Amino acid sequence: MAQITTTKTETELRVKSEFSDKIVSAFKTHGGKWNSDSKEWVFTNGGMQNGEKVVDELFGSSDETVYVEVSKADDG
């Protein structure tokens, strides 16, 4: 089961998740920037809505920790 944790402030959305090619591609496509220090995807200012949208599409909610099951066949 994959785990995702989101943290939201007034200026950014931070997303931690396990590695998946599908997740990486979706976050990059929607303007996410990888922060190698904190190991999180960061969506800032205007990109926050895109980040929330892609998290909602992939995991169901950007407002809480969400657990989803990802099988190898679904992993891009």
C-alpha atoms as a PDB file:
ATOM      1  CA  MET A   1       0.000   0.000   0.000  1.00  0.00           C
ATOM      2  CA  ALA A   2       1.374   3.444  -0.963  1.00  0.00           C
ATOM      3  CA  GLN A   3       1.270   6.304   1.535  1.00  0.00           C
ATOM      4  CA  ILE A   4       0.953  10.002   0.780  1.00  0.00           C
ATOM      5  CA  THR A   5       1.234  12.925   3.182  1.00  0.00           C
ATOM      6  CA  THR A   6       0.354  16.497   2.240  1.00  0.00           C
ATOM      7  CA  THR A   7       1.220  19.724   4.026  1.00  0.00           C
ATOM      8  CA  LYS A   8      -0.381  22.979   2.930  1.00  0.00           C
ATOM      9  CA  THR A   9       0.450  26.584   3.829  1.00  0.00           C
ATOM     10  CA  GLU A  10      -0.744  29.843   2.290  1.00  0.00           C
ATOM     11  CA  THR A  11       2.031  29.715  -0.318  1.00  0.00           C
ATOM     12  CA  GLU A  12       2.792  26.054  -0.978  1.00  0.00           C
ATOM     13  CA  LEU A  13       1.598  22.475  -1.041  1.00  0.00           C
ATOM     14  CA  ARG A  14       4.152  19.820  -0.083  1.00  0.00           C
ATOM     15  CA  VAL A  15       3.574  16.176  -0.957  1.00  0.00           C
ATOM     16  CA  LYS A  16       5.499  13.138   0.297  1.00  0.00           C
ATOM     17  CA  SER A  17       4.811   9.801  -1.328  1.00  0.00           C
ATOM     18  CA  GLU A  18       6.502   6.560  -2.202  1.00  0.00           C
ATOM     19  CA  PHE A  19       8.222   6.430  -5.595  1.00  0.00           C
ATOM     20  CA  SER A  20       6.159   5.602  -8.636  1.00  0.00           C
ATOM     21  CA  ASP A  21       6.848   6.530 -12.268  1.00  0.00           C
ATOM     22  CA  LYS A  22       3.152   7.400 -12.627  1.00  0.00           C
ATOM     23  CA  ILE A  23       3.260   9.753  -9.610  1.00  0.00           C
ATOM     24  CA  VAL A  24       6.498  11.424 -10.710  1.00  0.00           C
ATOM     25  CA  SER A  25       5.151  12.010 -14.203  1.00  0.00           C
ATOM     26  CA  ALA A  26       1.865  13.433 -12.917  1.00  0.00           C
ATOM     27  CA  PHE A  27       3.558  15.758 -10.410  1.00  0.00           C
ATOM     28  CA  LYS A  28       6.044  17.040 -13.008  1.00  0.00           C
ATOM     29  CA  THR A  29       3.280  17.563 -15.579  1.00  0.00           C
ATOM     30  CA  HIS A  30       1.278  19.612 -13.065  1.00  0.00           C
ATOM     31  CA  GLY A  31       4.205  21.873 -12.108  1.00  0.00           C
ATOM     32  CA  GLY A  32       5.576  20.120  -9.049  1.00  0.00           C
ATOM     33  CA  LYS A  33       9.237  20.637  -8.173  1.00  0.00           C
ATOM     34  CA  TRP A  34      11.216  17.924  -6.390  1.00  0.00           C
ATOM     35  CA  ASN A  35      12.954  19.083  -3.191  1.00  0.00           C
ATOM     36  CA  SER A  36      15.784  16.601  -2.671  1.00  0.00           C
ATOM     37  CA  ASP A  37      16.568  17.905   0.828  1.00  0.00           C
ATOM     38  CA  SER A  38      13.098  17.259   2.258  1.00  0.00           C
ATOM     39  CA  LYS A  39      12.262  14.481  -0.250  1.00  0.00           C
ATOM     40  CA  GLU A  40       8.954  16.158  -1.117  1.00  0.00           C
ATOM     41  CA  TRP A  41       7.179  17.487  -4.164  1.00  0.00           C
ATOM     42  CA  VAL A  42       6.487  21.207  -3.813  1.00  0.00           C
ATOM     43  CA  PHE A  43       3.762  23.183  -5.578  1.00  0.00           C
ATOM     44  CA  THR A  44       3.988  26.931  -4.949  1.00  0.00           C
ATOM     45  CA  ASN A  45       1.637  29.890  -5.291  1.00  0.00           C
ATOM     46  CA  GLY A  46      -0.428  29.497  -8.493  1.00  0.00           C
ATOM     47  CA  GLY A  47       0.712  25.893  -8.884  1.00  0.00           C
ATOM     48  CA  MET A  48      -0.945  24.878  -5.633  1.00  0.00           C
ATOM     49  CA  GLN A  49      -4.292  24.335  -7.365  1.00  0.00           C
ATOM     50  CA  ASN A  50      -2.598  22.071  -9.909  1.00  0.00           C
ATOM     51  CA  GLY A  51      -0.965  20.163  -7.060  1.00  0.00           C
ATOM     52  CA  GLU A  52      -4.256  19.733  -5.248  1.00  0.00           C
ATOM     53  CA  LYS A  53      -5.901  18.602  -8.473  1.00  0.00           C
ATOM     54  CA  VAL A  54      -3.309  15.937  -9.254  1.00  0.00           C
ATOM     55  CA  VAL A  55      -3.272  14.669  -5.649  1.00  0.00           C
ATOM     56  CA  ASP A  56      -7.070  14.436  -5.731  1.00  0.00           C
ATOM     57  CA  GLU A  57      -6.949  12.584  -9.064  1.00  0.00           C
ATOM     58  CA  LEU A  58      -4.299  10.108  -7.924  1.00  0.00           C
ATOM     59  CA  PHE A  59      -5.195   9.610  -4.277  1.00  0.00           C
ATOM     60  CA  GLY A  60      -8.663  11.018  -3.634  1.00  0.00           C
ATOM     61  CA  SER A  61      -7.870  13.939  -1.308  1.00  0.00           C
ATOM     62  CA  SER A  62      -5.193  16.585  -0.725  1.00  0.00           C
ATOM     63  CA  ASP A  63      -6.494  17.494   2.753  1.00  0.00           C
ATOM     64  CA  GLU A  64      -5.278  14.517   4.737  1.00  0.00           C
ATOM     65  CA  THR A  65      -2.967  11.526   4.742  1.00  0.00           C
ATOM     66  CA  VAL A  66      -4.377   9.049   2.262  1.00  0.00           C
ATOM     67  CA  TYR A  67      -3.486   5.393   1.820  1.00  0.00           C
ATOM     68  CA  VAL A  68      -3.862   3.820  -1.601  1.00  0.00           C
ATOM     69  CA  GLU A  69      -2.878   0.474  -3.017  1.00  0.00           C
ATOM     70  CA  VAL A  70      -0.742   0.524  -6.157  1.00  0.00           C
ATOM     71  CA  SER A  71      -0.097  -2.725  -7.977  1.00  0.00           C
ATOM     72  CA  LYS A  72       2.802  -3.260 -10.367  1.00  0.00           C
ATOM     73  CA  ALA A  73       0.402  -3.326 -13.333  1.00  0.00           C
ATOM     74  CA  ASP A  74      -0.878   0.160 -12.382  1.00  0.00           C
ATOM     75  CA  ASP A  75       2.577   1.605 -11.812  1.00  0.00           C
ATOM     76  CA  GLY A  76       3.090   3.326 -15.173  1.00  0.00           C
END
